[in-house]
Amino acid sequence: MANHTSTAEIIARVRLQLSDQSPRTLYGVTPQLEQLEKLMRRTVANLESNSALLIGPRGSGKSAAVNACIAAITADFGSDAFAVVRLNGLIHTDDRLALRDIASQLKVQRALETGNLSSFAAALAFILETLRNGSRQSQPLIVILDEFDQFAHHAKQTLLYNLFDLVQSAEAPMIVLGLSCRLDVIELLEKRVKSRFSHRQIHFLHNFGFDEYLSIARNSLLIAGAEHDAAISAWNAQVAEAMNDRSLVAALQVQFDLSKDPRVISTVLVCILNSALTASATGRLQASSVVSIIQAQFVDAKALVLQGLSTLELCLMIAINHVQVKVGVLEPFNFEMVYEEYKAFANSNVHVIDFFSKPVSLKAFEHLQAIELIKPVHPNAFHVPKEYRMMRMMVEPAQIVDAVTRFQDCSTAVRRWGSQWAE
């Protein structure tokens, strides 16, 4: 007989899924995941010592990849086959504090306090000695240093030096993994620390497409066990229907263009559950409500600036769009090129719009630079006349088209001219 889960229980289960930090399917990091797991398995299985840096922007999957590898190794070798120590540079602000936490996580804090240890290196060696069993073989140790660049700011980098020195000397089987968002993190290391580091780097990027992004959103909302529960089956059908809605896909595409961080979409989905679903009398997941919440969560600051432009400034931005179509989207432009495009449009619509002179248009062009909608290619090129200084556009063409459609005082001719780019 099939079970019947209430709507409140379904919402609670989805919220739990969204807040769960356990490893999930990772997209776009398969080579990095395989390389990392291979290193960690060599430490656990072959008692090798290794070190590596995981570098990438926040939300790119560094911590998730480490957790996924630990889960896979635990499934094969058991949780007692190795020990894990996790440190965070924002929490462990000095080496003594980090050392005490290492002892606490390895459950040797009391022995450390009673021991007569004269130096940091001796204390760390004593902690590792306690991991040895009767055969004098150490238990493999995985050390995870989150916010690795913060540890590089500690005095004399004592913790990093001793950890990498132990790895290099192979006195105990251990792997030291540093997680950082800084590409230049190695340059922060002292010479003696750098000489003991393996210089192995694994780079993580948001290297997945929009289809994978949709899969992340869909899988976050789907609930397992639909074959045994009619209510869960109905919920999964609502999710599938909503995720196939064109307006919802378009809204998620805008969000994907702004940020590929999967954690951001989880935040959006939590807001959807709190607002659209719980406020619905039927308890149904409606695509229109989801779209409105996504649009409310992420306000495009540049789009708001565009909506506040004068008619002349908006015309210049449209002219920039048309110039970029002619010369190339990534190619720079100058005022003379933009003004000629604006002048050609004004001459063809002389009875419809007001045409502004070149000095007035130049002032408007300079204001666009002041509010950072355009930016000079060479900021220090003061010897070049203003009209000929090369610029780059700092907004997407689609944002200009959207601003034109929302502009209240925009004439029909300007609105048609601004929409021609998207046709």
Protein backbone atom coordinates (compact mmCIF):
# COMPACT_ATOMS: atom_id res chain seq x y z
CA MET A 1 0.00 0.00 0.00
CA ALA A 2 1.39 3.39 -1.00
CA ASN A 3 2.30 5.97 1.62
CA HIS A 4 0.96 9.52 1.57
CA THR A 5 3.42 12.23 2.60
CA SER A 6 1.97 15.61 3.46
CA THR A 7 2.98 18.81 1.67
CA ALA A 8 4.67 20.12 4.84
CA GLU A 9 6.79 16.96 5.09
CA ILE A 10 7.78 17.25 1.43
CA ILE A 11 8.85 20.87 1.90
CA ALA A 12 10.83 19.90 5.01
CA ARG A 13 12.64 17.13 3.10
CA VAL A 14 13.53 19.43 0.21
CA ARG A 15 14.81 22.08 2.65
CA LEU A 16 16.97 19.43 4.29
CA GLN A 17 18.37 18.47 0.89
CA LEU A 18 19.19 22.08 0.09
CA SER A 19 20.96 22.62 3.42
CA ASP A 20 22.81 19.29 3.27
CA GLN A 21 26.56 19.79 2.75
CA SER A 22 27.34 16.14 1.95
CA PRO A 23 29.03 15.40 -1.40
CA ARG A 24 26.72 15.42 -4.40
CA THR A 25 27.23 15.04 -8.11
CA LEU A 26 30.05 17.37 -9.11
CA TYR A 27 29.94 18.88 -12.59
CA GLY A 28 32.91 20.01 -14.64
CA VAL A 29 35.62 18.81 -12.21
CA THR A 30 35.98 15.15 -13.20
CA PRO A 31 39.74 15.34 -14.08
CA GLN A 32 40.49 17.26 -10.88
CA LEU A 33 38.44 14.81 -8.82
CA GLU A 34 40.25 11.82 -10.29
CA GLN A 35 43.68 13.36 -9.70
CA LEU A 36 42.84 14.30 -6.13
CA GLU A 37 41.36 10.90 -5.27
CA LYS A 38 44.40 9.16 -6.76
CA LEU A 39 46.73 11.20 -4.52
CA MET A 40 44.68 10.54 -1.40
CA ARG A 41 44.37 6.82 -2.12
CA ARG A 42 48.14 6.53 -2.50
CA THR A 43 48.52 8.02 0.97
CA VAL A 44 45.98 5.66 2.56
CA ALA A 45 46.79 2.48 0.60
CA ASN A 46 50.53 2.82 -0.06
CA LEU A 47 51.43 5.01 2.95
CA GLU A 48 52.92 7.70 0.69
CA SER A 49 53.35 11.34 1.67
CA ASN A 50 52.04 14.04 -0.65
CA SER A 51 51.04 17.68 -0.70
CA ALA A 52 48.90 19.67 -3.10
CA LEU A 53 47.14 23.00 -3.49
CA LEU A 54 43.52 23.18 -4.66
CA ILE A 55 43.03 26.60 -6.25
CA GLY A 56 39.81 28.05 -7.58
CA PRO A 57 37.04 30.59 -6.92
CA ARG A 58 34.57 30.09 -4.12
CA GLY A 59 31.87 27.59 -4.98
CA SER A 60 33.96 25.88 -7.66
CA GLY A 61 33.90 22.54 -5.82
CA LYS A 62 37.21 22.39 -3.91
CA SER A 63 35.76 21.38 -0.53
CA ALA A 64 33.07 19.24 -2.15
CA ALA A 65 35.74 17.35 -4.12
CA VAL A 66 37.77 16.70 -0.94
CA ASN A 67 34.66 15.49 0.89
CA ALA A 68 33.70 13.26 -2.04
CA CYS A 69 37.18 11.68 -2.10
CA ILE A 70 37.12 11.10 1.66
CA ALA A 71 33.68 9.47 1.36
CA ALA A 72 34.89 7.19 -1.47
CA ILE A 73 38.06 6.18 0.42
CA THR A 74 36.08 5.58 3.60
CA ALA A 75 33.71 3.27 1.70
CA ASP A 76 36.69 1.19 0.50
CA PHE A 77 39.01 1.21 3.52
CA GLY A 78 36.76 2.10 6.46
CA SER A 79 36.78 5.16 8.68
CA ASP A 80 39.47 3.69 10.98
CA ALA A 81 42.02 3.33 8.17
CA PHE A 82 43.04 6.99 8.29
CA ALA A 83 42.61 10.18 10.28
CA VAL A 84 41.40 13.55 9.03
CA VAL A 85 42.38 16.96 10.41
CA ARG A 86 40.57 20.07 9.22
CA LEU A 87 41.94 23.56 9.84
CA ASN A 88 40.65 26.91 8.63
CA GLY A 89 42.85 29.96 8.25
CA LEU A 90 40.03 32.29 9.28
CA ILE A 91 39.54 30.38 12.56
CA HIS A 92 43.04 29.24 13.47
CA THR A 93 44.68 32.63 13.41
CA ASP A 94 47.99 31.52 14.94
CA ASP A 95 50.02 28.31 14.91
CA ARG A 96 49.58 27.51 18.60
CA LEU A 97 45.80 27.57 18.22
CA ALA A 98 46.08 25.34 15.15
CA LEU A 99 48.32 22.90 17.03
CA ARG A 100 45.84 22.59 19.90
CA ASP A 101 43.03 21.91 17.44
CA ILE A 102 45.12 19.25 15.67
CA ALA A 103 45.63 17.52 19.01
CA SER A 104 41.94 17.87 19.83
CA GLN A 105 40.80 16.37 16.51
CA LEU A 106 43.24 13.47 16.93
CA LYS A 107 42.10 13.03 20.55
CA VAL A 108 45.61 13.45 22.00
CA GLN A 109 45.10 16.83 23.63
CA ARG A 110 45.60 15.52 27.17
CA ALA A 111 48.84 13.80 26.24
CA LEU A 112 50.06 16.99 24.58
CA GLU A 113 49.34 19.04 27.69
CA THR A 114 51.19 16.64 29.98
CA GLY A 115 54.20 16.27 27.70
CA ASN A 116 57.33 18.37 28.22
CA LEU A 117 57.73 19.76 24.71
CA SER A 118 60.15 22.57 24.03
CA SER A 119 59.22 23.57 20.47
CA PHE A 120 56.42 23.59 17.94
CA ALA A 121 58.17 20.96 15.83
CA ALA A 122 58.57 18.69 18.83
CA ALA A 123 54.91 19.06 19.71
CA LEU A 124 53.82 18.22 16.17
CA ALA A 125 56.19 15.22 16.05
CA PHE A 126 54.77 14.04 19.38
CA ILE A 127 51.23 14.22 17.99
CA LEU A 128 52.20 12.13 14.97
CA GLU A 129 54.01 9.64 17.20
CA THR A 130 50.76 8.97 19.04
CA LEU A 131 49.23 7.79 15.76
CA ARG A 132 51.69 4.94 15.48
CA ASN A 133 50.50 1.45 16.32
CA GLY A 134 52.48 -1.43 17.81
CA SER A 135 54.19 -2.22 14.50
CA ARG A 136 55.66 1.30 14.40
CA GLN A 137 53.55 2.00 11.32
CA SER A 138 51.76 5.34 11.44
CA GLN A 139 48.10 5.75 10.68
CA PRO A 140 47.72 7.75 7.43
CA LEU A 141 46.76 11.35 8.06
CA ILE A 142 44.85 13.73 5.77
CA VAL A 143 45.38 17.40 6.69
CA ILE A 144 43.00 19.88 5.06
CA LEU A 145 43.98 23.54 5.29
CA ASP A 146 41.02 25.66 4.21
CA GLU A 147 41.78 29.34 3.45
CA PHE A 148 45.38 28.25 2.97
CA ASP A 149 46.59 31.77 2.13
CA GLN A 150 45.71 32.91 5.65
CA PHE A 151 48.19 30.41 7.15
CA ALA A 152 50.89 32.02 5.00
CA HIS A 153 50.44 35.23 7.01
CA HIS A 154 51.37 33.53 10.31
CA ALA A 155 54.69 34.52 11.86
CA LYS A 156 57.55 32.53 10.29
CA GLN A 157 54.96 30.15 8.73
CA THR A 158 55.93 27.60 11.38
CA LEU A 159 52.91 25.35 10.89
CA LEU A 160 53.32 25.16 7.11
CA TYR A 161 57.05 24.59 7.39
CA ASN A 162 56.70 21.67 9.80
CA LEU A 163 53.85 20.06 7.90
CA PHE A 164 55.63 20.22 4.55
CA ASP A 165 58.89 19.13 6.20
CA LEU A 166 57.18 16.02 7.56
CA VAL A 167 55.74 15.31 4.11
CA GLN A 168 59.14 15.69 2.45
CA SER A 169 60.96 13.57 5.02
CA ALA A 170 58.26 10.86 4.79
CA GLU A 171 58.46 10.24 8.52
CA ALA A 172 54.73 9.60 8.62
CA PRO A 173 52.25 8.85 5.80
CA MET A 174 50.28 12.03 5.37
CA ILE A 175 48.86 14.30 2.70
CA VAL A 176 48.54 18.05 3.17
CA LEU A 177 45.84 19.70 1.04
CA GLY A 178 45.66 23.48 0.90
CA LEU A 179 42.47 25.12 -0.39
CA SER A 180 42.70 28.70 -1.59
CA CYS A 181 41.02 31.22 -3.88
CA ARG A 182 44.27 33.05 -4.67
CA LEU A 183 46.18 32.19 -7.82
CA ASP A 184 49.38 33.68 -6.38
CA VAL A 185 49.23 31.74 -3.13
CA ILE A 186 52.59 30.02 -3.72
CA GLU A 187 54.27 33.43 -3.92
CA LEU A 188 53.18 34.03 -0.32
CA LEU A 189 55.30 31.14 0.97
CA GLU A 190 58.73 31.70 2.42
CA LYS A 191 61.68 30.19 0.58
CA ARG A 192 62.23 27.42 3.13
CA VAL A 193 58.53 26.49 3.03
CA LYS A 194 58.37 26.64 -0.75
CA SER A 195 61.39 24.33 -1.05
CA ARG A 196 59.56 21.61 0.91
CA PHE A 197 56.28 21.91 -0.99
CA SER A 198 55.67 19.54 -3.91
CA HIS A 199 54.39 22.43 -6.10
CA ARG A 200 51.48 20.24 -7.18
CA GLN A 201 48.48 22.42 -8.04
CA ILE A 202 44.96 21.35 -8.96
CA HIS A 203 42.88 24.15 -10.46
CA PHE A 204 39.11 24.23 -10.08
CA LEU A 205 36.88 26.38 -12.28
CA HIS A 206 33.14 26.73 -12.85
CA ASN A 207 33.61 24.52 -15.88
CA PHE A 208 30.09 23.35 -16.58
CA GLY A 209 27.37 24.45 -18.96
CA PHE A 210 23.81 25.59 -18.54
CA ASP A 211 22.44 22.05 -18.95
CA GLU A 212 24.44 20.89 -15.93
CA TYR A 213 23.26 23.99 -14.05
CA LEU A 214 19.65 23.01 -14.74
CA SER A 215 20.42 19.50 -13.55
CA ILE A 216 21.75 20.89 -10.27
CA ALA A 217 18.55 22.87 -9.72
CA ARG A 218 16.33 19.94 -10.73
CA ASN A 219 18.15 17.36 -8.60
CA SER A 220 18.04 19.69 -5.59
CA LEU A 221 14.24 19.68 -5.72
CA LEU A 222 13.59 16.05 -6.64
CA ILE A 223 12.92 13.59 -3.80
CA ALA A 224 13.89 9.92 -3.88
CA GLY A 225 11.32 7.22 -3.13
CA ALA A 226 8.61 8.37 -5.53
CA GLU A 227 7.77 4.78 -6.45
CA HIS A 228 6.45 4.14 -2.93
CA ASP A 229 4.62 7.42 -2.29
CA ALA A 230 1.96 9.04 -4.45
CA ALA A 231 2.52 12.52 -2.93
CA ILE A 232 6.27 12.42 -3.62
CA SER A 233 5.59 11.19 -7.14
CA ALA A 234 3.20 14.13 -7.69
CA TRP A 235 5.82 16.54 -6.28
CA ASN A 236 8.51 15.22 -8.65
CA ALA A 237 6.07 15.61 -11.55
CA GLN A 238 5.51 19.28 -10.55
CA VAL A 239 9.28 19.83 -10.44
CA ALA A 240 9.71 18.30 -13.90
CA GLU A 241 6.87 20.42 -15.29
CA ALA A 242 8.21 23.64 -13.75
CA MET A 243 11.78 22.99 -14.95
CA ASN A 244 10.50 22.62 -18.51
CA ASP A 245 8.75 26.00 -18.43
CA ARG A 246 10.41 28.42 -20.88
CA SER A 247 10.08 31.47 -18.62
CA LEU A 248 11.73 29.61 -15.73
CA VAL A 249 14.55 28.36 -17.95
CA ALA A 250 15.10 31.93 -19.19
CA ALA A 251 15.23 33.25 -15.61
CA LEU A 252 17.73 30.56 -14.62
CA GLN A 253 19.80 31.41 -17.71
CA VAL A 254 20.10 35.02 -16.50
CA GLN A 255 21.14 33.78 -13.05
CA PHE A 256 23.65 31.38 -14.65
CA ASP A 257 25.19 34.29 -16.58
CA LEU A 258 25.59 36.27 -13.34
CA SER A 259 26.96 33.46 -11.16
CA LYS A 260 27.73 29.79 -11.74
CA ASP A 261 28.07 29.08 -8.02
CA PRO A 262 25.74 26.12 -7.26
CA ARG A 263 25.32 27.40 -3.70
CA VAL A 264 23.59 30.49 -5.06
CA ILE A 265 20.89 28.46 -6.76
CA SER A 266 20.38 26.57 -3.48
CA THR A 267 19.73 29.91 -1.77
CA VAL A 268 17.21 30.81 -4.47
CA LEU A 269 15.43 27.47 -4.12
CA VAL A 270 15.15 27.93 -0.35
CA CYS A 271 13.49 31.31 -0.94
CA ILE A 272 11.14 29.64 -3.42
CA LEU A 273 10.10 27.10 -0.82
CA ASN A 274 9.64 29.79 1.81
CA SER A 275 7.62 32.10 -0.42
CA ALA A 276 6.00 30.69 -3.52
CA LEU A 277 5.22 27.18 -2.34
CA THR A 278 4.24 27.78 1.27
CA ALA A 279 2.13 30.80 0.35
CA SER A 280 0.23 28.82 -2.29
CA ALA A 281 -3.16 27.60 -1.19
CA THR A 282 -2.77 24.45 -3.26
CA GLY A 283 0.80 23.77 -2.22
CA ARG A 284 1.82 23.45 -5.87
CA LEU A 285 5.13 24.50 -7.38
CA GLN A 286 4.20 27.11 -9.98
CA ALA A 287 6.74 28.27 -12.57
CA SER A 288 5.40 31.85 -12.63
CA SER A 289 5.94 32.25 -8.89
CA VAL A 290 9.44 30.78 -9.16
CA VAL A 291 10.37 33.22 -11.94
CA SER A 292 9.19 36.25 -9.95
CA ILE A 293 11.20 35.17 -6.91
CA ILE A 294 14.37 34.59 -8.97
CA GLN A 295 14.03 38.04 -10.49
CA ALA A 296 13.45 39.58 -7.05
CA GLN A 297 16.49 37.81 -5.54
CA PHE A 298 18.98 39.10 -8.09
CA VAL A 299 18.78 42.75 -9.02
CA ASP A 300 21.09 43.73 -11.85
CA ALA A 301 22.82 46.90 -10.64
CA LYS A 302 24.01 47.82 -14.15
CA ALA A 303 20.46 47.47 -15.48
CA LEU A 304 19.23 49.89 -12.82
CA VAL A 305 21.91 52.40 -13.86
CA LEU A 306 20.88 52.03 -17.50
CA GLN A 307 17.26 52.74 -16.63
CA GLY A 308 18.33 56.04 -15.07
CA LEU A 309 20.06 57.38 -18.18
CA SER A 310 18.88 60.36 -20.15
CA THR A 311 17.51 59.88 -23.67
CA LEU A 312 20.79 61.07 -25.22
CA GLU A 313 22.90 58.78 -23.02
CA LEU A 314 20.66 55.83 -23.84
CA CYS A 315 20.98 56.62 -27.55
CA LEU A 316 24.76 56.63 -27.22
CA MET A 317 24.65 53.22 -25.51
CA ILE A 318 22.49 51.90 -28.35
CA ALA A 319 24.93 53.40 -30.84
CA ILE A 320 27.78 51.59 -29.05
CA ASN A 321 25.84 48.35 -29.49
CA HIS A 322 25.55 48.91 -33.24
CA VAL A 323 29.22 49.91 -33.53
CA GLN A 324 30.24 46.71 -31.76
CA VAL A 325 28.14 44.69 -34.19
CA LYS A 326 30.12 46.25 -37.05
CA VAL A 327 33.65 46.14 -35.62
CA GLY A 328 33.31 43.13 -33.26
CA VAL A 329 31.87 42.64 -29.79
CA LEU A 330 35.25 42.61 -28.05
CA GLU A 331 36.81 45.38 -30.12
CA PRO A 332 37.31 48.84 -28.56
CA PHE A 333 35.59 51.98 -29.86
CA ASN A 334 35.87 55.76 -29.45
CA PHE A 335 33.49 58.70 -29.29
CA GLU A 336 33.85 59.57 -32.97
CA MET A 337 32.68 56.10 -34.03
CA VAL A 338 29.73 56.22 -31.65
CA TYR A 339 28.71 59.76 -32.62
CA GLU A 340 28.71 58.93 -36.33
CA GLU A 341 26.37 56.00 -35.63
CA TYR A 342 24.11 58.23 -33.51
CA LYS A 343 24.19 60.98 -36.16
CA ALA A 344 23.19 58.53 -38.92
CA PHE A 345 20.21 57.37 -36.85
CA ALA A 346 19.17 60.95 -36.00
CA ASN A 347 19.33 62.05 -39.65
CA SER A 348 17.03 59.19 -40.66
CA ASN A 349 14.55 60.13 -37.91
CA VAL A 350 14.88 63.92 -37.97
CA HIS A 351 11.17 64.57 -37.29
CA VAL A 352 10.91 62.01 -34.48
CA ILE A 353 13.80 62.59 -32.05
CA ASP A 354 15.81 65.55 -30.83
CA PHE A 355 19.31 65.69 -32.25
CA PHE A 356 22.08 66.93 -29.92
CA SER A 357 25.27 68.63 -31.02
CA LYS A 358 28.69 67.06 -30.80
CA PRO A 359 29.89 68.95 -27.66
CA VAL A 360 26.70 68.03 -25.78
CA SER A 361 27.03 64.41 -26.91
CA LEU A 362 30.68 64.35 -25.78
CA LYS A 363 29.61 65.49 -22.30
CA ALA A 364 27.06 62.67 -22.20
CA PHE A 365 29.74 60.22 -23.37
CA GLU A 366 32.04 61.36 -20.55
CA HIS A 367 29.22 60.84 -18.06
CA LEU A 368 28.86 57.23 -19.26
CA GLN A 369 32.54 56.81 -18.44
CA ALA A 370 32.09 58.44 -15.03
CA ILE A 371 29.35 55.97 -14.04
CA GLU A 372 31.52 53.11 -15.40
CA LEU A 373 29.23 51.92 -18.17
CA ILE A 374 32.23 52.31 -20.46
CA LYS A 375 35.90 52.14 -19.54
CA PRO A 376 39.06 53.39 -21.29
CA VAL A 377 41.35 50.73 -22.71
CA HIS A 378 44.40 52.77 -21.66
CA PRO A 379 43.49 54.85 -18.56
CA ASN A 380 46.69 56.94 -18.74
CA ALA A 381 46.43 57.94 -22.41
CA PHE A 382 45.94 61.64 -21.60
CA HIS A 383 47.90 62.71 -24.68
CA VAL A 384 45.12 61.33 -26.89
CA PRO A 385 42.18 63.72 -27.53
CA LYS A 386 38.98 62.75 -25.72
CA GLU A 387 37.15 62.03 -28.95
CA TYR A 388 39.70 59.40 -29.99
CA ARG A 389 40.39 57.58 -26.71
CA MET A 390 39.55 53.91 -27.15
CA MET A 391 36.86 52.51 -24.83
CA ARG A 392 35.34 49.18 -23.86
CA MET A 393 31.72 48.58 -22.90
CA MET A 394 31.19 47.30 -19.35
CA VAL A 395 27.64 45.98 -19.81
CA GLU A 396 26.17 43.19 -21.86
CA PRO A 397 24.27 44.09 -25.06
CA ALA A 398 21.23 42.23 -23.71
CA GLN A 399 21.18 44.58 -20.71
CA ILE A 400 20.93 47.59 -23.03
CA VAL A 401 18.07 45.99 -24.96
CA ASP A 402 16.28 45.30 -21.67
CA ALA A 403 16.82 48.91 -20.54
CA VAL A 404 15.36 50.21 -23.80
CA THR A 405 12.20 48.13 -23.35
CA ARG A 406 11.79 49.40 -19.78
CA PHE A 407 12.59 53.07 -20.53
CA GLN A 408 9.35 55.03 -20.02
CA ASP A 409 10.20 58.20 -21.99
CA CYS A 410 11.71 56.30 -24.90
CA SER A 411 10.22 57.09 -28.32
CA THR A 412 9.06 54.36 -30.65
CA ALA A 413 11.92 55.05 -33.07
CA VAL A 414 14.58 54.75 -30.33
CA ARG A 415 12.93 51.61 -28.93
CA ARG A 416 12.91 50.06 -32.41
CA TRP A 417 16.53 51.09 -32.99
CA GLY A 418 17.60 49.62 -29.65
CA SER A 419 15.81 46.33 -30.36
CA GLN A 420 17.33 45.88 -33.82
CA TRP A 421 20.49 44.38 -32.30
CA ALA A 422 18.54 41.49 -30.75
CA GLU A 423 16.66 40.65 -33.95
